[in-house]
PDB file of N, CA and C in Angstrom:
ATOM      1  N   MET A   1    -107.711  -7.717   0.206  1.00  0.00           N
ATOM      2  CA  MET A   1    -108.523  -6.773  -0.528  1.00  0.00           C
ATOM      3  C   MET A   1    -109.843  -6.565   0.215  1.00  0.00           C
ATOM      4  N   ASN A   2    -110.157  -5.332   0.536  1.00  0.00           N
ATOM      5  CA  ASN A   2    -111.388  -5.031   1.258  1.00  0.00           C
ATOM      6  C   ASN A   2    -112.564  -4.966   0.304  1.00  0.00           C
ATOM      7  N   LEU A   3    -113.662  -5.590   0.727  1.00  0.00           N
ATOM      8  CA  LEU A   3    -114.905  -5.491  -0.026  1.00  0.00           C
ATOM      9  C   LEU A   3    -115.781  -4.436   0.634  1.00  0.00           C
ATOM     10  N   ASN A   4    -116.485  -3.691  -0.178  1.00  0.00           N
ATOM     11  CA  ASN A   4    -117.410  -2.667   0.282  1.00  0.00           C
ATOM     12  C   ASN A   4    -118.805  -3.059  -0.164  1.00  0.00           C
ATOM     13  N   GLU A   5    -119.781  -2.485   0.494  1.00  0.00           N
ATOM     14  CA  GLU A   5    -121.168  -2.774   0.152  1.00  0.00           C
ATOM     15  C   GLU A   5    -121.955  -1.476   0.102  1.00  0.00           C
ATOM     16  N   THR A   6    -122.693  -1.295  -0.962  1.00  0.00           N
ATOM     17  CA  THR A   6    -123.558  -0.126  -1.111  1.00  0.00           C
ATOM     18  C   THR A   6    -124.983  -0.629  -1.279  1.00  0.00           C
ATOM     19  N   ILE A   7    -125.898  -0.048  -0.524  1.00  0.00           N
ATOM     20  CA  ILE A   7    -127.298  -0.466  -0.561  1.00  0.00           C
ATOM     21  C   ILE A   7    -128.096   0.517  -1.417  1.00  0.00           C
ATOM     22  N   PHE A   8    -128.886  -0.034  -2.331  1.00  0.00           N
ATOM     23  CA  PHE A   8    -129.774   0.769  -3.181  1.00  0.00           C
ATOM     24  C   PHE A   8    -131.207   0.315  -2.940  1.00  0.00           C
ATOM     25  N   HIS A   9    -132.073   1.260  -2.596  1.00  0.00           N
ATOM     26  CA  HIS A   9    -133.498   0.959  -2.495  1.00  0.00           C
ATOM     27  C   HIS A   9    -134.028   0.711  -3.904  1.00  0.00           C
ATOM     28  N   LYS A  10    -135.058  -0.092  -4.021  1.00  0.00           N
ATOM     29  CA  LYS A  10    -135.594  -0.445  -5.340  1.00  0.00           C
ATOM     30  C   LYS A  10    -136.035   0.778  -6.143  1.00  0.00           C
ATOM     31  N   ASN A  11    -136.393   1.873  -5.476  1.00  0.00           N
ATOM     32  CA  ASN A  11    -136.838   3.079  -6.177  1.00  0.00           C
ATOM     33  C   ASN A  11    -135.721   4.084  -6.442  1.00  0.00           C
ATOM     34  N   HIS A  12    -134.487   3.746  -6.075  1.00  0.00           N
ATOM     35  CA  HIS A  12    -133.345   4.620  -6.351  1.00  0.00           C
ATOM     36  C   HIS A  12    -133.228   4.819  -7.866  1.00  0.00           C
ATOM     37  N   ILE A  13    -133.088   6.050  -8.305  1.00  0.00           N
ATOM     38  CA  ILE A  13    -132.976   6.361  -9.735  1.00  0.00           C
ATOM     39  C   ILE A  13    -131.509   6.262 -10.151  1.00  0.00           C
ATOM     40  N   ILE A  14    -131.280   5.532 -11.254  1.00  0.00           N
ATOM     41  CA  ILE A  14    -129.926   5.330 -11.762  1.00  0.00           C
ATOM     42  C   ILE A  14    -129.934   5.459 -13.278  1.00  0.00           C
ATOM     43  N   GLY A  15    -128.856   5.971 -13.827  1.00  0.00           N
ATOM     44  CA  GLY A  15    -128.729   6.090 -15.274  1.00  0.00           C
ATOM     45  C   GLY A  15    -128.420   4.748 -15.901  1.00  0.00           C
ATOM     46  N   VAL A  16    -128.815   4.598 -17.158  1.00  0.00           N
ATOM     47  CA  VAL A  16    -128.538   3.373 -17.906  1.00  0.00           C
ATOM     48  C   VAL A  16    -127.423   3.678 -18.899  1.00  0.00           C
ATOM     49  N   GLU A  17    -126.339   2.949 -18.804  1.00  0.00           N
ATOM     50  CA  GLU A  17    -125.164   3.151 -19.654  1.00  0.00           C
ATOM     51  C   GLU A  17    -125.312   2.305 -20.917  1.00  0.00           C
ATOM     52  N   GLU A  18    -125.943   2.890 -21.944  1.00  0.00           N
ATOM     53  CA  GLU A  18    -126.162   2.187 -23.205  1.00  0.00           C
ATOM     54  C   GLU A  18    -125.381   2.865 -24.314  1.00  0.00           C
ATOM     55  N   LEU A  19    -125.200   2.168 -25.397  1.00  0.00           N
ATOM     56  CA  LEU A  19    -124.431   2.708 -26.517  1.00  0.00           C
ATOM     57  C   LEU A  19    -125.198   3.775 -27.276  1.00  0.00           C
ATOM     58  N   ASP A  20    -126.499   3.602 -27.362  1.00  0.00           N
ATOM     59  CA  ASP A  20    -127.307   4.532 -28.155  1.00  0.00           C
ATOM     60  C   ASP A  20    -127.980   5.566 -27.276  1.00  0.00           C
ATOM     61  N   PRO A  21    -127.786   6.849 -27.561  1.00  0.00           N
ATOM     62  CA  PRO A  21    -128.549   7.874 -26.859  1.00  0.00           C
ATOM     63  C   PRO A  21    -130.027   7.730 -27.228  1.00  0.00           C
ATOM     64  N   PRO A  22    -130.958   8.295 -26.607  1.00  0.00           N
ATOM     65  CA  PRO A  22    -130.779   9.286 -25.560  1.00  0.00           C
ATOM     66  C   PRO A  22    -130.558   8.622 -24.199  1.00  0.00           C
ATOM     67  N   PHE A  23    -129.968   9.399 -23.314  1.00  0.00           N
ATOM     68  CA  PHE A  23    -129.745   8.962 -21.943  1.00  0.00           C
ATOM     69  C   PHE A  23    -131.087   8.751 -21.261  1.00  0.00           C
ATOM     70  N   ARG A  24    -131.170   7.701 -20.471  1.00  0.00           N
ATOM     71  CA  ARG A  24    -132.403   7.494 -19.716  1.00  0.00           C
ATOM     72  C   ARG A  24    -132.080   7.075 -18.289  1.00  0.00           C
ATOM     73  N   GLU A  25    -133.023   7.302 -17.414  1.00  0.00           N
ATOM     74  CA  GLU A  25    -132.899   6.916 -16.021  1.00  0.00           C
ATOM     75  C   GLU A  25    -134.049   5.984 -15.673  1.00  0.00           C
ATOM     76  N   VAL A  26    -133.758   5.011 -14.819  1.00  0.00           N
ATOM     77  CA  VAL A  26    -134.762   4.048 -14.382  1.00  0.00           C
ATOM     78  C   VAL A  26    -134.576   3.820 -12.883  1.00  0.00           C
ATOM     79  N   THR A  27    -135.533   3.156 -12.268  1.00  0.00           N
ATOM     80  CA  THR A  27    -135.341   2.755 -10.880  1.00  0.00           C
ATOM     81  C   THR A  27    -134.349   1.594 -10.860  1.00  0.00           C
ATOM     82  N   PHE A  28    -133.694   1.391  -9.726  1.00  0.00           N
ATOM     83  CA  PHE A  28    -132.738   0.290  -9.615  1.00  0.00           C
ATOM     84  C   PHE A  28    -133.452  -1.034  -9.859  1.00  0.00           C
ATOM     85  N   ASP A  29    -134.675  -1.158  -9.369  1.00  0.00           N
ATOM     86  CA  ASP A  29    -135.475  -2.364  -9.599  1.00  0.00           C
ATOM     87  C   ASP A  29    -135.661  -2.610 -11.095  1.00  0.00           C
ATOM     88  N   ASN A  30    -135.996  -1.564 -11.857  1.00  0.00           N
ATOM     89  CA  ASN A  30    -136.191  -1.725 -13.303  1.00  0.00           C
ATOM     90  C   ASN A  30    -134.882  -2.028 -14.022  1.00  0.00           C
ATOM     91  N   LEU A  31    -133.771  -1.465 -13.552  1.00  0.00           N
ATOM     92  CA  LEU A  31    -132.465  -1.799 -14.118  1.00  0.00           C
ATOM     93  C   LEU A  31    -132.222  -3.298 -13.986  1.00  0.00           C
ATOM     94  N   MET A  32    -132.495  -3.827 -12.805  1.00  0.00           N
ATOM     95  CA  MET A  32    -132.298  -5.257 -12.564  1.00  0.00           C
ATOM     96  C   MET A  32    -133.272  -6.100 -13.395  1.00  0.00           C
ATOM     97  N   LEU A  33    -134.524  -5.689 -13.443  1.00  0.00           N
ATOM     98  CA  LEU A  33    -135.511  -6.441 -14.229  1.00  0.00           C
ATOM     99  C   LEU A  33    -135.130  -6.490 -15.709  1.00  0.00           C
ATOM    100  N   GLU A  34    -134.620  -5.389 -16.224  1.00  0.00           N
ATOM    101  CA  GLU A  34    -134.309  -5.303 -17.647  1.00  0.00           C
ATOM    102  C   GLU A  34    -132.994  -5.990 -18.018  1.00  0.00           C
ATOM    103  N   PHE A  35    -131.991  -5.932 -17.147  1.00  0.00           N
ATOM    104  CA  PHE A  35    -130.656  -6.376 -17.554  1.00  0.00           C
ATOM    105  C   PHE A  35    -130.075  -7.556 -16.766  1.00  0.00           C
ATOM    106  N   CYS A  36    -130.746  -8.027 -15.736  1.00  0.00           N
ATOM    107  CA  CYS A  36    -130.228  -9.150 -14.944  1.00  0.00           C
ATOM    108  C   CYS A  36    -131.097 -10.377 -15.175  1.00  0.00           C
ATOM    109  N   LYS A  37    -130.536 -11.387 -15.820  1.00  0.00           N
ATOM    110  CA  LYS A  37    -131.333 -12.574 -16.182  1.00  0.00           C
ATOM    111  C   LYS A  37    -131.825 -13.347 -14.963  1.00  0.00           C
ATOM    112  N   ASP A  38    -131.128 -13.252 -13.831  1.00  0.00           N
ATOM    113  CA  ASP A  38    -131.529 -14.000 -12.643  1.00  0.00           C
ATOM    114  C   ASP A  38    -132.471 -13.235 -11.724  1.00  0.00           C
ATOM    115  N   TYR A  39    -132.854 -12.039 -12.124  1.00  0.00           N
ATOM    116  CA  TYR A  39    -133.832 -11.269 -11.361  1.00  0.00           C
ATOM    117  C   TYR A  39    -135.063 -11.110 -12.224  1.00  0.00           C
ATOM    118  N   THR A  40    -136.102 -11.891 -11.899  1.00  0.00           N
ATOM    119  CA  THR A  40    -137.282 -11.910 -12.756  1.00  0.00           C
ATOM    120  C   THR A  40    -138.533 -11.392 -12.078  1.00  0.00           C
ATOM    121  N   ARG A  41    -138.446 -11.096 -10.817  1.00  0.00           N
ATOM    122  CA  ARG A  41    -139.621 -10.596 -10.117  1.00  0.00           C
ATOM    123  C   ARG A  41    -139.269  -9.305  -9.387  1.00  0.00           C
ATOM    124  N   SER A  42    -140.254  -8.556  -9.129  1.00  0.00           N
ATOM    125  CA  SER A  42    -140.033  -7.269  -8.489  1.00  0.00           C
ATOM    126  C   SER A  42    -140.383  -7.365  -7.003  1.00  0.00           C
ATOM    127  N   GLU A  43    -139.598  -8.154  -6.245  1.00  0.00           N
ATOM    128  CA  GLU A  43    -139.896  -8.375  -4.831  1.00  0.00           C
ATOM    129  C   GLU A  43    -138.792  -7.885  -3.900  1.00  0.00           C
ATOM    130  N   CYS A  44    -137.735  -7.340  -4.433  1.00  0.00           N
ATOM    131  CA  CYS A  44    -136.609  -6.910  -3.609  1.00  0.00           C
ATOM    132  C   CYS A  44    -136.768  -5.430  -3.263  1.00  0.00           C
ATOM    133  N   ASP A  45    -136.699  -5.121  -1.971  1.00  0.00           N
ATOM    134  CA  ASP A  45    -136.785  -3.725  -1.546  1.00  0.00           C
ATOM    135  C   ASP A  45    -135.422  -3.049  -1.516  1.00  0.00           C
ATOM    136  N   ASN A  46    -134.382  -3.797  -1.132  1.00  0.00           N
ATOM    137  CA  ASN A  46    -133.042  -3.232  -0.995  1.00  0.00           C
ATOM    138  C   ASN A  46    -132.011  -4.135  -1.654  1.00  0.00           C
ATOM    139  N   PHE A  47    -131.341  -3.589  -2.638  1.00  0.00           N
ATOM    140  CA  PHE A  47    -130.281  -4.301  -3.351  1.00  0.00           C
ATOM    141  C   PHE A  47    -128.943  -3.930  -2.742  1.00  0.00           C
ATOM    142  N   ALA A  48    -128.086  -4.904  -2.511  1.00  0.00           N
ATOM    143  CA  ALA A  48    -126.728  -4.653  -2.035  1.00  0.00           C
ATOM    144  C   ALA A  48    -125.773  -4.896  -3.199  1.00  0.00           C
ATOM    145  N   VAL A  49    -124.906  -3.926  -3.445  1.00  0.00           N
ATOM    146  CA  VAL A  49    -123.873  -4.059  -4.474  1.00  0.00           C
ATOM    147  C   VAL A  49    -122.545  -4.196  -3.735  1.00  0.00           C
ATOM    148  N   VAL A  50    -121.886  -5.338  -3.947  1.00  0.00           N
ATOM    149  CA  VAL A  50    -120.592  -5.603  -3.321  1.00  0.00           C
ATOM    150  C   VAL A  50    -119.519  -5.233  -4.334  1.00  0.00           C
ATOM    151  N   TRP A  51    -118.549  -4.403  -3.887  1.00  0.00           N
ATOM    152  CA  TRP A  51    -117.530  -3.914  -4.813  1.00  0.00           C
ATOM    153  C   TRP A  51    -116.202  -3.747  -4.079  1.00  0.00           C
ATOM    154  N   LYS A  52    -115.161  -3.604  -4.868  1.00  0.00           N
ATOM    155  CA  LYS A  52    -113.820  -3.392  -4.310  1.00  0.00           C
ATOM    156  C   LYS A  52    -113.049  -2.449  -5.220  1.00  0.00           C
ATOM    157  N   GLU A  53    -111.999  -1.907  -4.663  1.00  0.00           N
ATOM    158  CA  GLU A  53    -111.073  -1.120  -5.467  1.00  0.00           C
ATOM    159  C   GLU A  53    -109.863  -2.009  -5.739  1.00  0.00           C
ATOM    160  N   TYR A  54    -109.498  -2.120  -7.008  1.00  0.00           N
ATOM    161  CA  TYR A  54    -108.391  -2.982  -7.407  1.00  0.00           C
ATOM    162  C   TYR A  54    -107.520  -2.213  -8.395  1.00  0.00           C
ATOM    163  N   HIS A  55    -106.294  -1.946  -8.010  1.00  0.00           N
ATOM    164  CA  HIS A  55    -105.355  -1.168  -8.836  1.00  0.00           C
ATOM    165  C   HIS A  55    -105.961   0.163  -9.276  1.00  0.00           C
ATOM    166  N   GLY A  56    -106.648   0.824  -8.350  1.00  0.00           N
ATOM    167  CA  GLY A  56    -107.199   2.147  -8.615  1.00  0.00           C
ATOM    168  C   GLY A  56    -108.522   2.163  -9.359  1.00  0.00           C
ATOM    169  N   GLU A  57    -109.094   1.007  -9.645  1.00  0.00           N
ATOM    170  CA  GLU A  57    -110.379   0.948 -10.349  1.00  0.00           C
ATOM    171  C   GLU A  57    -111.395   0.199  -9.514  1.00  0.00           C
ATOM    172  N   LEU A  58    -112.654   0.615  -9.611  1.00  0.00           N
ATOM    173  CA  LEU A  58    -113.727  -0.079  -8.912  1.00  0.00           C
ATOM    174  C   LEU A  58    -114.153  -1.294  -9.714  1.00  0.00           C
ATOM    175  N   GLN A  59    -114.414  -2.382  -9.008  1.00  0.00           N
ATOM    176  CA  GLN A  59    -114.915  -3.597  -9.636  1.00  0.00           C
ATOM    177  C   GLN A  59    -116.083  -4.116  -8.816  1.00  0.00           C
ATOM    178  N   ILE A  60    -117.157  -4.454  -9.494  1.00  0.00           N
ATOM    179  CA  ILE A  60    -118.345  -4.980  -8.833  1.00  0.00           C
ATOM    180  C   ILE A  60    -118.229  -6.490  -8.748  1.00  0.00           C
ATOM    181  N   GLU A  61    -118.452  -7.009  -7.562  1.00  0.00           N
ATOM    182  CA  GLU A  61    -118.371  -8.450  -7.326  1.00  0.00           C
ATOM    183  C   GLU A  61    -119.738  -9.122  -7.456  1.00  0.00           C
ATOM    184  N   GLN A  62    -120.773  -8.504  -6.872  1.00  0.00           N
ATOM    185  CA  GLN A  62    -122.100  -9.114  -6.941  1.00  0.00           C
ATOM    186  C   GLN A  62    -123.177  -8.104  -6.563  1.00  0.00           C
ATOM    187  N   VAL A  63    -124.403  -8.465  -6.947  1.00  0.00           N
ATOM    188  CA  VAL A  63    -125.600  -7.725  -6.551  1.00  0.00           C
ATOM    189  C   VAL A  63    -126.538  -8.751  -5.932  1.00  0.00           C
ATOM    190  N   TYR A  64    -126.998  -8.453  -4.704  1.00  0.00           N
ATOM    191  CA  TYR A  64    -127.872  -9.416  -4.040  1.00  0.00           C
ATOM    192  C   TYR A  64    -128.981  -8.708  -3.274  1.00  0.00           C
ATOM    193  N   ASN A  65    -129.972  -9.491  -2.863  1.00  0.00           N
ATOM    194  CA  ASN A  65    -131.081  -8.986  -2.071  1.00  0.00           C
ATOM    195  C   ASN A  65    -130.576  -8.794  -0.642  1.00  0.00           C
ATOM    196  N   HIS A  66    -130.522  -7.567  -0.195  1.00  0.00           N
ATOM    197  CA  HIS A  66    -129.971  -7.262   1.122  1.00  0.00           C
ATOM    198  C   HIS A  66    -130.794  -7.875   2.243  1.00  0.00           C
ATOM    199  N   ASP A  67    -132.077  -8.092   2.024  1.00  0.00           N
ATOM    200  CA  ASP A  67    -132.947  -8.631   3.065  1.00  0.00           C
ATOM    201  C   ASP A  67    -132.908 -10.159   3.140  1.00  0.00           C
ATOM    202  N   THR A  68    -132.754 -10.843   2.002  1.00  0.00           N
ATOM    203  CA  THR A  68    -132.801 -12.311   1.995  1.00  0.00           C
ATOM    204  C   THR A  68    -131.451 -12.964   1.724  1.00  0.00           C
ATOM    205  N   GLY A  69    -130.512 -12.217   1.141  1.00  0.00           N
ATOM    206  CA  GLY A  69    -129.210 -12.783   0.798  1.00  0.00           C
ATOM    207  C   GLY A  69    -129.159 -13.447  -0.568  1.00  0.00           C
ATOM    208  N   GLU A  70    -130.292 -13.476  -1.290  1.00  0.00           N
ATOM    209  CA  GLU A  70    -130.326 -14.106  -2.610  1.00  0.00           C
ATOM    210  C   GLU A  70    -129.462 -13.313  -3.593  1.00  0.00           C
ATOM    211  N   ILE A  71    -128.532 -14.009  -4.246  1.00  0.00           N
ATOM    212  CA  ILE A  71    -127.638 -13.370  -5.213  1.00  0.00           C
ATOM    213  C   ILE A  71    -128.318 -13.347  -6.574  1.00  0.00           C
ATOM    214  N   TYR A  72    -128.357 -12.148  -7.179  1.00  0.00           N
ATOM    215  CA  TYR A  72    -128.965 -11.991  -8.500  1.00  0.00           C
ATOM    216  C   TYR A  72    -127.925 -11.909  -9.612  1.00  0.00           C
ATOM    217  N   TRP A  73    -126.794 -11.287  -9.333  1.00  0.00           N
ATOM    218  CA  TRP A  73    -125.731 -11.133 -10.337  1.00  0.00           C
ATOM    219  C   TRP A  73    -124.398 -11.270  -9.636  1.00  0.00           C
ATOM    220  N   GLU A  74    -123.466 -11.987 -10.296  1.00  0.00           N
ATOM    221  CA  GLU A  74    -122.152 -12.171  -9.696  1.00  0.00           C
ATOM    222  C   GLU A  74    -121.099 -12.214 -10.788  1.00  0.00           C
ATOM    223  N   ASP A  75    -119.996 -11.543 -10.527  1.00  0.00           N
ATOM    224  CA  ASP A  75    -118.848 -11.612 -11.427  1.00  0.00           C
ATOM    225  C   ASP A  75    -118.026 -12.807 -10.981  1.00  0.00           C
ATOM    226  N   ASP A  76    -118.187 -13.916 -11.686  1.00  0.00           N
ATOM    227  CA  ASP A  76    -117.505 -15.138 -11.288  1.00  0.00           C
ATOM    228  C   ASP A  76    -116.220 -15.371 -12.080  1.00  0.00           C
ATOM    229  N   PHE A  77    -115.725 -14.321 -12.692  1.00  0.00           N
ATOM    230  CA  PHE A  77    -114.484 -14.431 -13.449  1.00  0.00           C
ATOM    231  C   PHE A  77    -113.313 -14.354 -12.483  1.00  0.00           C
ATOM    232  N   ASP A  78    -112.469 -15.383 -12.472  1.00  0.00           N
ATOM    233  CA  ASP A  78    -111.406 -15.497 -11.473  1.00  0.00           C
ATOM    234  C   ASP A  78    -110.265 -14.501 -11.650  1.00  0.00           C
ATOM    235  N   ASP A  79    -109.883 -14.209 -12.863  1.00  0.00           N
ATOM    236  CA  ASP A  79    -108.698 -13.384 -13.096  1.00  0.00           C
ATOM    237  C   ASP A  79    -109.092 -11.916 -13.190  1.00  0.00           C
ATOM    238  N   VAL A  80    -108.952 -11.186 -12.089  1.00  0.00           N
ATOM    239  CA  VAL A  80    -109.391  -9.785 -12.053  1.00  0.00           C
ATOM    240  C   VAL A  80    -108.507  -8.868 -12.889  1.00  0.00           C
ATOM    241  N   ASP A  81    -107.366  -9.362 -13.345  1.00  0.00           N
ATOM    242  CA  ASP A  81    -106.478  -8.523 -14.145  1.00  0.00           C
ATOM    243  C   ASP A  81    -106.886  -8.447 -15.614  1.00  0.00           C
ATOM    244  N   THR A  82    -107.847  -9.252 -16.030  1.00  0.00           N
ATOM    245  CA  THR A  82    -108.231  -9.250 -17.438  1.00  0.00           C
ATOM    246  C   THR A  82    -109.749  -9.100 -17.595  1.00  0.00           C
ATOM    247  N   PRO A  83    -110.288  -7.916 -17.302  1.00  0.00           N
ATOM    248  CA  PRO A  83    -111.744  -7.752 -17.413  1.00  0.00           C
ATOM    249  C   PRO A  83    -112.258  -7.924 -18.830  1.00  0.00           C
ATOM    250  N   SER A  84    -111.411  -7.694 -19.821  1.00  0.00           N
ATOM    251  CA  SER A  84    -111.876  -7.866 -21.201  1.00  0.00           C
ATOM    252  C   SER A  84    -112.051  -9.333 -21.545  1.00  0.00           C
ATOM    253  N   GLY A  85    -111.552 -10.241 -20.716  1.00  0.00           N
ATOM    254  CA  GLY A  85    -111.685 -11.663 -20.977  1.00  0.00           C
ATOM    255  C   GLY A  85    -112.973 -12.261 -20.440  1.00  0.00           C
ATOM    256  N   ARG A  86    -113.791 -11.453 -19.790  1.00  0.00           N
ATOM    257  CA  ARG A  86    -115.047 -11.965 -19.233  1.00  0.00           C
ATOM    258  C   ARG A  86    -115.998 -12.368 -20.354  1.00  0.00           C
ATOM    259  N   ASP A  87    -116.706 -13.437 -20.117  1.00  0.00           N
ATOM    260  CA  ASP A  87    -117.683 -13.922 -21.092  1.00  0.00           C
ATOM    261  C   ASP A  87    -119.064 -13.411 -20.687  1.00  0.00           C
ATOM    262  N   TRP A  88    -119.266 -12.109 -20.857  1.00  0.00           N
ATOM    263  CA  TRP A  88    -120.503 -11.479 -20.444  1.00  0.00           C
ATOM    264  C   TRP A  88    -121.408 -11.242 -21.644  1.00  0.00           C
ATOM    265  N   SER A  89    -122.700 -11.218 -21.356  1.00  0.00           N
ATOM    266  CA  SER A  89    -123.675 -10.810 -22.362  1.00  0.00           C
ATOM    267  C   SER A  89    -123.704  -9.280 -22.409  1.00  0.00           C
ATOM    268  N   LEU A  90    -124.380  -8.735 -23.403  1.00  0.00           N
ATOM    269  CA  LEU A  90    -124.550  -7.285 -23.484  1.00  0.00           C
ATOM    270  C   LEU A  90    -125.287  -6.772 -22.242  1.00  0.00           C
ATOM    271  N   ASN A  91    -126.264  -7.537 -21.758  1.00  0.00           N
ATOM    272  CA  ASN A  91    -126.994  -7.133 -20.559  1.00  0.00           C
ATOM    273  C   ASN A  91    -126.077  -7.060 -19.344  1.00  0.00           C
ATOM    274  N   ASP A  92    -125.134  -8.030 -19.215  1.00  0.00           N
ATOM    275  CA  ASP A  92    -124.164  -7.974 -18.119  1.00  0.00           C
ATOM    276  C   ASP A  92    -123.348  -6.685 -18.196  1.00  0.00           C
ATOM    277  N   GLU A  93    -122.891  -6.349 -19.389  1.00  0.00           N
ATOM    278  CA  GLU A  93    -122.097  -5.132 -19.590  1.00  0.00           C
ATOM    279  C   GLU A  93    -122.878  -3.885 -19.201  1.00  0.00           C
ATOM    280  N   ILE A  94    -124.135  -3.813 -19.641  1.00  0.00           N
ATOM    281  CA  ILE A  94    -124.954  -2.630 -19.350  1.00  0.00           C
ATOM    282  C   ILE A  94    -125.217  -2.519 -17.857  1.00  0.00           C
ATOM    283  N   LEU A  95    -125.552  -3.632 -17.201  1.00  0.00           N
ATOM    284  CA  LEU A  95    -125.797  -3.616 -15.765  1.00  0.00           C
ATOM    285  C   LEU A  95    -124.551  -3.167 -15.011  1.00  0.00           C
ATOM    286  N   TYR A  96    -123.422  -3.784 -15.309  1.00  0.00           N
ATOM    287  CA  TYR A  96    -122.155  -3.491 -14.643  1.00  0.00           C
ATOM    288  C   TYR A  96    -121.750  -2.034 -14.854  1.00  0.00           C
ATOM    289  N   CYS A  97    -121.765  -1.597 -16.105  1.00  0.00           N
ATOM    290  CA  CYS A  97    -121.331  -0.232 -16.428  1.00  0.00           C
ATOM    291  C   CYS A  97    -122.298   0.820 -15.875  1.00  0.00           C
ATOM    292  N   SER A  98    -123.574   0.528 -15.874  1.00  0.00           N
ATOM    293  CA  SER A  98    -124.552   1.474 -15.326  1.00  0.00           C
ATOM    294  C   SER A  98    -124.314   1.704 -13.845  1.00  0.00           C
ATOM    295  N   ILE A  99    -124.078   0.621 -13.109  1.00  0.00           N
ATOM    296  CA  ILE A  99    -123.830   0.759 -11.675  1.00  0.00           C
ATOM    297  C   ILE A  99    -122.514   1.483 -11.429  1.00  0.00           C
ATOM    298  N   LEU A 100    -121.479   1.148 -12.204  1.00  0.00           N
ATOM    299  CA  LEU A 100    -120.185   1.820 -12.040  1.00  0.00           C
ATOM    300  C   LEU A 100    -120.269   3.309 -12.372  1.00  0.00           C
ATOM    301  N   MET A 101    -120.915   3.628 -13.484  1.00  0.00           N
ATOM    302  CA  MET A 101    -120.951   5.008 -13.966  1.00  0.00           C
ATOM    303  C   MET A 101    -121.915   5.891 -13.176  1.00  0.00           C
ATOM    304  N   TRP A 102    -123.065   5.360 -12.803  1.00  0.00           N
ATOM    305  CA  TRP A 102    -124.127   6.191 -12.251  1.00  0.00           C
ATOM    306  C   TRP A 102    -124.508   5.851 -10.808  1.00  0.00           C
ATOM    307  N   GLY A 103    -123.902   4.807 -10.240  1.00  0.00           N
ATOM    308  CA  GLY A 103    -124.266   4.393  -8.893  1.00  0.00           C
ATOM    309  C   GLY A 103    -123.572   5.142  -7.775  1.00  0.00           C
ATOM    310  N   GLU A 104    -122.524   5.917  -8.124  1.00  0.00           N
ATOM    311  CA  GLU A 104    -121.776   6.683  -7.114  1.00  0.00           C
ATOM    312  C   GLU A 104    -121.422   5.798  -5.922  1.00  0.00           C
ATOM    313  N   LEU A 105    -120.818   4.649  -6.204  1.00  0.00           N
ATOM    314  CA  LEU A 105    -120.550   3.652  -5.176  1.00  0.00           C
ATOM    315  C   LEU A 105    -119.698   4.194  -4.029  1.00  0.00           C
ATOM    316  N   GLU A 106    -118.678   4.971  -4.348  1.00  0.00           N
ATOM    317  CA  GLU A 106    -117.794   5.484  -3.291  1.00  0.00           C
ATOM    318  C   GLU A 106    -118.478   6.521  -2.410  1.00  0.00           C
ATOM    319  N   GLN A 107    -119.513   7.194  -2.905  1.00  0.00           N
ATOM    320  CA  GLN A 107    -120.192   8.222  -2.131  1.00  0.00           C
ATOM    321  C   GLN A 107    -121.369   7.662  -1.337  1.00  0.00           C
ATOM    322  N   THR A 108    -121.768   6.443  -1.611  1.00  0.00           N
ATOM    323  CA  THR A 108    -122.975   5.899  -0.977  1.00  0.00           C
ATOM    324  C   THR A 108    -122.705   4.575  -0.288  1.00  0.00           C
ATOM    325  N   ILE A 109    -121.602   4.488   0.438  1.00  0.00           N
ATOM    326  CA  ILE A 109    -121.274   3.240   1.141  1.00  0.00           C
ATOM    327  C   ILE A 109    -122.332   2.987   2.206  1.00  0.00           C
ATOM    328  N   GLY A 110    -122.883   1.793   2.158  1.00  0.00           N
ATOM    329  CA  GLY A 110    -123.946   1.472   3.080  1.00  0.00           C
ATOM    330  C   GLY A 110    -123.604   0.362   4.064  1.00  0.00           C
ATOM    331  N   GLY A 111    -122.440  -0.228   3.973  1.00  0.00           N
ATOM    332  CA  GLY A 111    -122.177  -1.330   4.872  1.00  0.00           C
ATOM    333  C   GLY A 111    -120.727  -1.545   5.128  1.00  0.00           C
TER     334      GLY A 111
END
């Protein structure tokens, strides 16, 4: 399975996939600050999103600091065939879905 990498600058504007309207857009840095528990400071200039295509669907593996290699978010669920079995928080869901829905991963391959 090939892994792909897409780089997002901290000021890249991305939509937030939330249940309640209205739709809003934030910088990628603010998306991470708001929804990623392991990202607590605003020091990353370039975020790398590692993803793959699996049975015709995109799946995000991790988000890390492209300059330092520090991992901020990772899908550590072993069984990729059962995404509904993941033990994610609401913030994990929003982060994951926002990047999938609004990140245009296939159009912005960076690595």
